């Protein structure tokens, strides 16, 4: 019988890929509640754990369905793109955000995130907020069917940076994210990254 790989109990990644030493504790003003599809829980390239370990006001819940009573629905926004989604600027200008406001992120592939939305009707009833991302995703080892698709940690970074009007404070989130990706690429069999990922990136940049 093959032995299971050693896993860090804190970041849930293989010990060789542990990100704990790179984590920087950040005091965010607004609460993030991350709803994670179960298939993401043990993925080596998952990014929700970076937010969960770094932020002072955060909760990570794993499951297919969730209990609405666990949420402050009267003061919550779902971070999700769409024509009806509000911008952060609009919400702040109209004083619809305060220190008790919480923002809900869906963690999973675009298909899995949409499934979470559809199987939890209370999420569909929440007002949605869009993220004004400055750049395209740097998730070099995972593809998205959407041009504006972001990893969960990138979504958290842009959201919190917009909310607090400070794009430097939360850069440690992206630093850990990039180190995680660099490690995964360095440990891929020779040629895999160039064949399956680099070609896609170069094509999209043209």
C-alpha atoms as a PDB file:
ATOM      1  CA  UNK A   1       0.000   0.000   0.000  1.00  0.00           C
ATOM      2  CA  UNK A   2       1.289   3.444  -0.942  1.00  0.00           C
ATOM      3  CA  UNK A   3       1.561   5.938   1.890  1.00  0.00           C
ATOM      4  CA  UNK A   4      -0.435   9.138   1.693  1.00  0.00           C
ATOM      5  CA  UNK A   5       1.483  12.354   1.103  1.00  0.00           C
ATOM      6  CA  UNK A   6       2.245  14.462   4.151  1.00  0.00           C
ATOM      7  CA  UNK A   7      -0.126  17.433   4.337  1.00  0.00           C
ATOM      8  CA  UNK A   8       0.102  20.651   6.320  1.00  0.00           C
ATOM      9  CA  UNK A   9      -2.858  20.728   8.684  1.00  0.00           C
ATOM     10  CA  UNK A  10      -3.081  24.499   8.507  1.00  0.00           C
ATOM     11  CA  UNK A  11      -3.017  25.296   4.780  1.00  0.00           C
ATOM     12  CA  UNK A  12      -4.139  21.817   3.664  1.00  0.00           C
ATOM     13  CA  UNK A  13      -1.411  21.596   1.056  1.00  0.00           C
ATOM     14  CA  UNK A  14       1.387  19.055   0.703  1.00  0.00           C
ATOM     15  CA  UNK A  15       4.231  19.864   3.105  1.00  0.00           C
ATOM     16  CA  UNK A  16       6.540  20.519   0.186  1.00  0.00           C
ATOM     17  CA  UNK A  17       4.035  23.080  -1.144  1.00  0.00           C
ATOM     18  CA  UNK A  18       3.114  24.580   2.237  1.00  0.00           C
ATOM     19  CA  UNK A  19       2.317  28.315   1.993  1.00  0.00           C
ATOM     20  CA  UNK A  20       2.120  29.077   5.725  1.00  0.00           C
ATOM     21  CA  UNK A  21       5.535  30.764   5.947  1.00  0.00           C
ATOM     22  CA  UNK A  22       4.485  33.215   3.239  1.00  0.00           C
ATOM     23  CA  UNK A  23       1.176  34.185   4.836  1.00  0.00           C
ATOM     24  CA  UNK A  24       0.880  37.775   6.081  1.00  0.00           C
ATOM     25  CA  UNK A  25      -1.905  38.611   8.542  1.00  0.00           C
ATOM     26  CA  UNK A  26      -4.106  41.406   7.198  1.00  0.00           C
ATOM     27  CA  UNK A  27      -6.761  43.357   9.054  1.00  0.00           C
ATOM     28  CA  UNK A  28      -9.595  43.795   6.560  1.00  0.00           C
ATOM     29  CA  UNK A  29     -12.451  46.156   7.394  1.00  0.00           C
ATOM     30  CA  UNK A  30     -15.209  44.178   5.668  1.00  0.00           C
ATOM     31  CA  UNK A  31     -16.156  40.573   6.383  1.00  0.00           C
ATOM     32  CA  UNK A  32     -15.722  37.952   3.658  1.00  0.00           C
ATOM     33  CA  UNK A  33     -17.668  34.691   3.716  1.00  0.00           C
ATOM     34  CA  UNK A  34     -16.275  32.183   1.218  1.00  0.00           C
ATOM     35  CA  UNK A  35     -18.575  29.354   0.109  1.00  0.00           C
ATOM     36  CA  UNK A  36     -16.430  26.569  -1.273  1.00  0.00           C
ATOM     37  CA  UNK A  37     -17.520  23.724  -3.501  1.00  0.00           C
ATOM     38  CA  UNK A  38     -16.338  20.448  -1.848  1.00  0.00           C
ATOM     39  CA  UNK A  39     -14.294  19.533  -4.932  1.00  0.00           C
ATOM     40  CA  UNK A  40     -12.004  22.512  -4.248  1.00  0.00           C
ATOM     41  CA  UNK A  41     -11.146  21.616  -0.662  1.00  0.00           C
ATOM     42  CA  UNK A  42      -8.061  19.512  -1.337  1.00  0.00           C
ATOM     43  CA  UNK A  43      -6.859  20.972  -4.625  1.00  0.00           C
ATOM     44  CA  UNK A  44      -3.177  21.854  -4.634  1.00  0.00           C
ATOM     45  CA  UNK A  45      -3.835  24.989  -6.678  1.00  0.00           C
ATOM     46  CA  UNK A  46      -6.836  26.190  -4.661  1.00  0.00           C
ATOM     47  CA  UNK A  47      -6.635  29.828  -3.533  1.00  0.00           C
ATOM     48  CA  UNK A  48      -9.469  30.294  -1.029  1.00  0.00           C
ATOM     49  CA  UNK A  49      -7.188  29.059   1.756  1.00  0.00           C
ATOM     50  CA  UNK A  50      -4.896  32.051   1.173  1.00  0.00           C
ATOM     51  CA  UNK A  51      -7.743  34.409   2.048  1.00  0.00           C
ATOM     52  CA  UNK A  52      -8.833  32.273   4.978  1.00  0.00           C
ATOM     53  CA  UNK A  53      -5.346  32.242   6.525  1.00  0.00           C
ATOM     54  CA  UNK A  54      -4.529  35.880   5.821  1.00  0.00           C
ATOM     55  CA  UNK A  55      -7.615  37.912   6.669  1.00  0.00           C
ATOM     56  CA  UNK A  56      -8.862  38.878  10.117  1.00  0.00           C
ATOM     57  CA  UNK A  57     -12.536  38.981   9.107  1.00  0.00           C
ATOM     58  CA  UNK A  58     -13.216  35.874   7.056  1.00  0.00           C
ATOM     59  CA  UNK A  59     -15.072  32.575   7.164  1.00  0.00           C
ATOM     60  CA  UNK A  60     -14.645  29.570   4.873  1.00  0.00           C
ATOM     61  CA  UNK A  61     -17.664  27.247   4.585  1.00  0.00           C
ATOM     62  CA  UNK A  62     -17.515  24.042   2.532  1.00  0.00           C
ATOM     63  CA  UNK A  63     -20.562  22.354   1.072  1.00  0.00           C
ATOM     64  CA  UNK A  64     -23.137  22.069  -1.688  1.00  0.00           C
ATOM     65  CA  UNK A  65     -25.984  23.740   0.180  1.00  0.00           C
ATOM     66  CA  UNK A  66     -25.922  26.261   3.025  1.00  0.00           C
ATOM     67  CA  UNK A  67     -28.274  27.376   5.788  1.00  0.00           C
ATOM     68  CA  UNK A  68     -29.553  30.927   5.152  1.00  0.00           C
ATOM     69  CA  UNK A  69     -29.825  31.509   8.906  1.00  0.00           C
ATOM     70  CA  UNK A  70     -26.015  31.535   9.105  1.00  0.00           C
ATOM     71  CA  UNK A  71     -25.884  34.710   7.046  1.00  0.00           C
ATOM     72  CA  UNK A  72     -26.746  38.323   7.762  1.00  0.00           C
ATOM     73  CA  UNK A  73     -28.894  38.502   4.639  1.00  0.00           C
ATOM     74  CA  UNK A  74     -30.138  42.028   5.316  1.00  0.00           C
ATOM     75  CA  UNK A  75     -26.607  43.358   4.988  1.00  0.00           C
ATOM     76  CA  UNK A  76     -24.907  41.011   2.524  1.00  0.00           C
ATOM     77  CA  UNK A  77     -23.778  41.201  -1.073  1.00  0.00           C
ATOM     78  CA  UNK A  78     -22.893  38.357  -3.415  1.00  0.00           C
ATOM     79  CA  UNK A  79     -19.727  38.932  -5.429  1.00  0.00           C
ATOM     80  CA  UNK A  80     -20.887  37.794  -8.851  1.00  0.00           C
ATOM     81  CA  UNK A  81     -20.797  39.372 -12.327  1.00  0.00           C
ATOM     82  CA  UNK A  82     -23.954  40.355 -14.161  1.00  0.00           C
ATOM     83  CA  UNK A  83     -25.899  43.225 -15.652  1.00  0.00           C
ATOM     84  CA  UNK A  84     -27.700  43.811 -12.366  1.00  0.00           C
ATOM     85  CA  UNK A  85     -24.512  43.850 -10.276  1.00  0.00           C
ATOM     86  CA  UNK A  86     -23.628  47.081  -8.455  1.00  0.00           C
ATOM     87  CA  UNK A  87     -20.191  48.622  -8.505  1.00  0.00           C
ATOM     88  CA  UNK A  88     -18.345  49.299  -5.260  1.00  0.00           C
ATOM     89  CA  UNK A  89     -18.286  53.008  -6.066  1.00  0.00           C
ATOM     90  CA  UNK A  90     -22.064  53.087  -6.451  1.00  0.00           C
ATOM     91  CA  UNK A  91     -22.670  51.294  -3.155  1.00  0.00           C
ATOM     92  CA  UNK A  92     -20.256  53.530  -1.267  1.00  0.00           C
ATOM     93  CA  UNK A  93     -21.611  56.711  -2.840  1.00  0.00           C
ATOM     94  CA  UNK A  94     -25.111  55.714  -1.764  1.00  0.00           C
ATOM     95  CA  UNK A  95     -23.899  54.663   1.693  1.00  0.00           C
ATOM     96  CA  UNK A  96     -25.112  51.074   1.326  1.00  0.00           C
ATOM     97  CA  UNK A  97     -21.943  49.627   2.840  1.00  0.00           C
ATOM     98  CA  UNK A  98     -20.927  49.796   6.493  1.00  0.00           C
ATOM     99  CA  UNK A  99     -18.613  47.880   8.835  1.00  0.00           C
ATOM    100  CA  UNK A 100     -21.252  45.185   9.360  1.00  0.00           C
ATOM    101  CA  UNK A 101     -21.676  44.501   5.636  1.00  0.00           C
ATOM    102  CA  UNK A 102     -20.474  41.089   4.523  1.00  0.00           C
ATOM    103  CA  UNK A 103     -19.470  39.962   1.053  1.00  0.00           C
ATOM    104  CA  UNK A 104     -19.985  36.403  -0.146  1.00  0.00           C
ATOM    105  CA  UNK A 105     -17.518  34.775  -2.551  1.00  0.00           C
ATOM    106  CA  UNK A 106     -18.195  31.491  -4.371  1.00  0.00           C
ATOM    107  CA  UNK A 107     -15.084  29.306  -4.639  1.00  0.00           C
ATOM    108  CA  UNK A 108     -14.915  26.825  -7.477  1.00  0.00           C
ATOM    109  CA  UNK A 109     -14.650  26.590 -11.232  1.00  0.00           C
ATOM    110  CA  UNK A 110     -17.083  28.844 -13.083  1.00  0.00           C
ATOM    111  CA  UNK A 111     -19.384  25.826 -13.554  1.00  0.00           C
ATOM    112  CA  UNK A 112     -19.204  24.841  -9.874  1.00  0.00           C
ATOM    113  CA  UNK A 113     -19.699  28.420  -8.676  1.00  0.00           C
ATOM    114  CA  UNK A 114     -22.804  28.724 -10.835  1.00  0.00           C
ATOM    115  CA  UNK A 115     -24.069  25.427  -9.427  1.00  0.00           C
ATOM    116  CA  UNK A 116     -23.653  26.760  -5.873  1.00  0.00           C
ATOM    117  CA  UNK A 117     -25.699  29.778  -6.889  1.00  0.00           C
ATOM    118  CA  UNK A 118     -28.474  27.673  -8.417  1.00  0.00           C
ATOM    119  CA  UNK A 119     -28.723  25.185  -5.537  1.00  0.00           C
ATOM    120  CA  UNK A 120     -28.923  27.915  -2.893  1.00  0.00           C
ATOM    121  CA  UNK A 121     -31.945  30.103  -3.787  1.00  0.00           C
ATOM    122  CA  UNK A 122     -31.222  32.607  -1.016  1.00  0.00           C
ATOM    123  CA  UNK A 123     -27.996  33.533  -2.817  1.00  0.00           C
ATOM    124  CA  UNK A 124     -29.964  34.370  -5.949  1.00  0.00           C
ATOM    125  CA  UNK A 125     -32.026  36.866  -3.964  1.00  0.00           C
ATOM    126  CA  UNK A 126     -28.999  38.768  -2.691  1.00  0.00           C
ATOM    127  CA  UNK A 127     -27.906  42.010  -4.364  1.00  0.00           C
ATOM    128  CA  UNK A 128     -24.824  41.379  -6.479  1.00  0.00           C
ATOM    129  CA  UNK A 129     -21.624  43.379  -6.603  1.00  0.00           C
ATOM    130  CA  UNK A 130     -19.097  43.367  -9.438  1.00  0.00           C
ATOM    131  CA  UNK A 131     -15.335  43.673  -9.197  1.00  0.00           C
ATOM    132  CA  UNK A 132     -13.461  46.288 -11.172  1.00  0.00           C
ATOM    133  CA  UNK A 133     -10.333  44.239 -11.854  1.00  0.00           C
ATOM    134  CA  UNK A 134      -7.505  46.252 -13.373  1.00  0.00           C
ATOM    135  CA  UNK A 135      -5.753  43.321 -15.029  1.00  0.00           C
ATOM    136  CA  UNK A 136      -6.637  39.898 -16.376  1.00  0.00           C
ATOM    137  CA  UNK A 137      -6.209  36.937 -14.071  1.00  0.00           C
ATOM    138  CA  UNK A 138      -2.662  35.777 -13.347  1.00  0.00           C
ATOM    139  CA  UNK A 139      -3.904  32.242 -12.668  1.00  0.00           C
ATOM    140  CA  UNK A 140      -1.368  30.749 -15.074  1.00  0.00           C
ATOM    141  CA  UNK A 141      -2.164  27.120 -14.290  1.00  0.00           C
ATOM    142  CA  UNK A 142      -5.939  27.161 -14.438  1.00  0.00           C
ATOM    143  CA  UNK A 143      -8.160  28.136 -17.353  1.00  0.00           C
ATOM    144  CA  UNK A 144     -11.453  30.038 -17.154  1.00  0.00           C
ATOM    145  CA  UNK A 145     -14.199  30.088 -19.804  1.00  0.00           C
ATOM    146  CA  UNK A 146     -14.703  33.787 -19.019  1.00  0.00           C
ATOM    147  CA  UNK A 147     -12.305  36.500 -20.135  1.00  0.00           C
ATOM    148  CA  UNK A 148     -12.975  38.348 -16.873  1.00  0.00           C
ATOM    149  CA  UNK A 149     -12.600  35.220 -14.736  1.00  0.00           C
ATOM    150  CA  UNK A 150     -10.532  35.584 -11.566  1.00  0.00           C
ATOM    151  CA  UNK A 151      -9.253  33.160  -8.970  1.00  0.00           C
ATOM    152  CA  UNK A 152     -10.890  33.452  -5.551  1.00  0.00           C
ATOM    153  CA  UNK A 153      -7.852  35.131  -4.017  1.00  0.00           C
ATOM    154  CA  UNK A 154      -7.668  37.629  -6.875  1.00  0.00           C
ATOM    155  CA  UNK A 155     -11.370  38.398  -6.452  1.00  0.00           C
ATOM    156  CA  UNK A 156     -10.784  38.943  -2.738  1.00  0.00           C
ATOM    157  CA  UNK A 157      -7.803  41.177  -3.437  1.00  0.00           C
ATOM    158  CA  UNK A 158      -9.635  43.450  -5.888  1.00  0.00           C
ATOM    159  CA  UNK A 159     -12.777  43.551  -3.763  1.00  0.00           C
ATOM    160  CA  UNK A 160     -11.013  44.529  -0.539  1.00  0.00           C
ATOM    161  CA  UNK A 161      -8.683  46.952  -2.309  1.00  0.00           C
ATOM    162  CA  UNK A 162     -11.648  48.744  -3.862  1.00  0.00           C
ATOM    163  CA  UNK A 163     -13.578  48.801  -0.610  1.00  0.00           C
ATOM    164  CA  UNK A 164     -10.678  50.311   1.332  1.00  0.00           C
ATOM    165  CA  UNK A 165      -9.304  52.411  -1.543  1.00  0.00           C
ATOM    166  CA  UNK A 166      -5.881  50.868  -0.972  1.00  0.00           C
ATOM    167  CA  UNK A 167      -4.304  48.609  -3.609  1.00  0.00           C
ATOM    168  CA  UNK A 168      -1.039  48.164  -1.676  1.00  0.00           C
ATOM    169  CA  UNK A 169      -2.387  46.856   1.627  1.00  0.00           C
ATOM    170  CA  UNK A 170      -3.577  43.535   0.228  1.00  0.00           C
ATOM    171  CA  UNK A 171      -0.715  42.794  -2.195  1.00  0.00           C
ATOM    172  CA  UNK A 172       0.621  40.086   0.185  1.00  0.00           C
ATOM    173  CA  UNK A 173      -2.374  38.003  -0.962  1.00  0.00           C
ATOM    174  CA  UNK A 174      -1.119  38.104  -4.535  1.00  0.00           C
ATOM    175  CA  UNK A 175       2.476  37.474  -3.410  1.00  0.00           C
ATOM    176  CA  UNK A 176       1.450  34.156  -1.835  1.00  0.00           C
ATOM    177  CA  UNK A 177      -0.699  33.361  -4.870  1.00  0.00           C
ATOM    178  CA  UNK A 178       2.215  33.887  -7.269  1.00  0.00           C
ATOM    179  CA  UNK A 179       4.619  31.866  -5.103  1.00  0.00           C
ATOM    180  CA  UNK A 180       2.116  28.996  -5.064  1.00  0.00           C
ATOM    181  CA  UNK A 181       1.842  29.074  -8.850  1.00  0.00           C
ATOM    182  CA  UNK A 182       5.620  29.312  -9.330  1.00  0.00           C
ATOM    183  CA  UNK A 183       6.064  26.222  -7.137  1.00  0.00           C
ATOM    184  CA  UNK A 184       3.478  24.233  -9.087  1.00  0.00           C
ATOM    185  CA  UNK A 185       5.014  25.184 -12.441  1.00  0.00           C
ATOM    186  CA  UNK A 186       8.522  24.337 -11.224  1.00  0.00           C
ATOM    187  CA  UNK A 187       7.332  20.858 -10.230  1.00  0.00           C
ATOM    188  CA  UNK A 188       5.496  20.039 -13.462  1.00  0.00           C
ATOM    189  CA  UNK A 189       7.030  17.422 -15.777  1.00  0.00           C
ATOM    190  CA  UNK A 190       9.210  19.038 -18.423  1.00  0.00           C
ATOM    191  CA  UNK A 191       7.238  20.606 -21.244  1.00  0.00           C
ATOM    192  CA  UNK A 192       3.801  20.365 -19.625  1.00  0.00           C
ATOM    193  CA  UNK A 193       3.471  24.053 -18.758  1.00  0.00           C
ATOM    194  CA  UNK A 194       4.704  25.234 -22.164  1.00  0.00           C
ATOM    195  CA  UNK A 195       2.370  22.827 -23.969  1.00  0.00           C
ATOM    196  CA  UNK A 196      -0.839  23.248 -22.006  1.00  0.00           C
ATOM    197  CA  UNK A 197      -0.682  26.687 -20.402  1.00  0.00           C
ATOM    198  CA  UNK A 198       1.908  29.016 -21.930  1.00  0.00           C
ATOM    199  CA  UNK A 199       0.440  28.624 -25.406  1.00  0.00           C
ATOM    200  CA  UNK A 200      -2.985  29.654 -24.124  1.00  0.00           C
ATOM    201  CA  UNK A 201      -1.594  32.709 -22.320  1.00  0.00           C
ATOM    202  CA  UNK A 202       0.337  33.874 -25.395  1.00  0.00           C
ATOM    203  CA  UNK A 203      -2.741  33.446 -27.597  1.00  0.00           C
ATOM    204  CA  UNK A 204      -4.959  35.421 -25.216  1.00  0.00           C
ATOM    205  CA  UNK A 205      -2.449  38.273 -24.983  1.00  0.00           C
ATOM    206  CA  UNK A 206      -2.458  38.959 -28.711  1.00  0.00           C
END
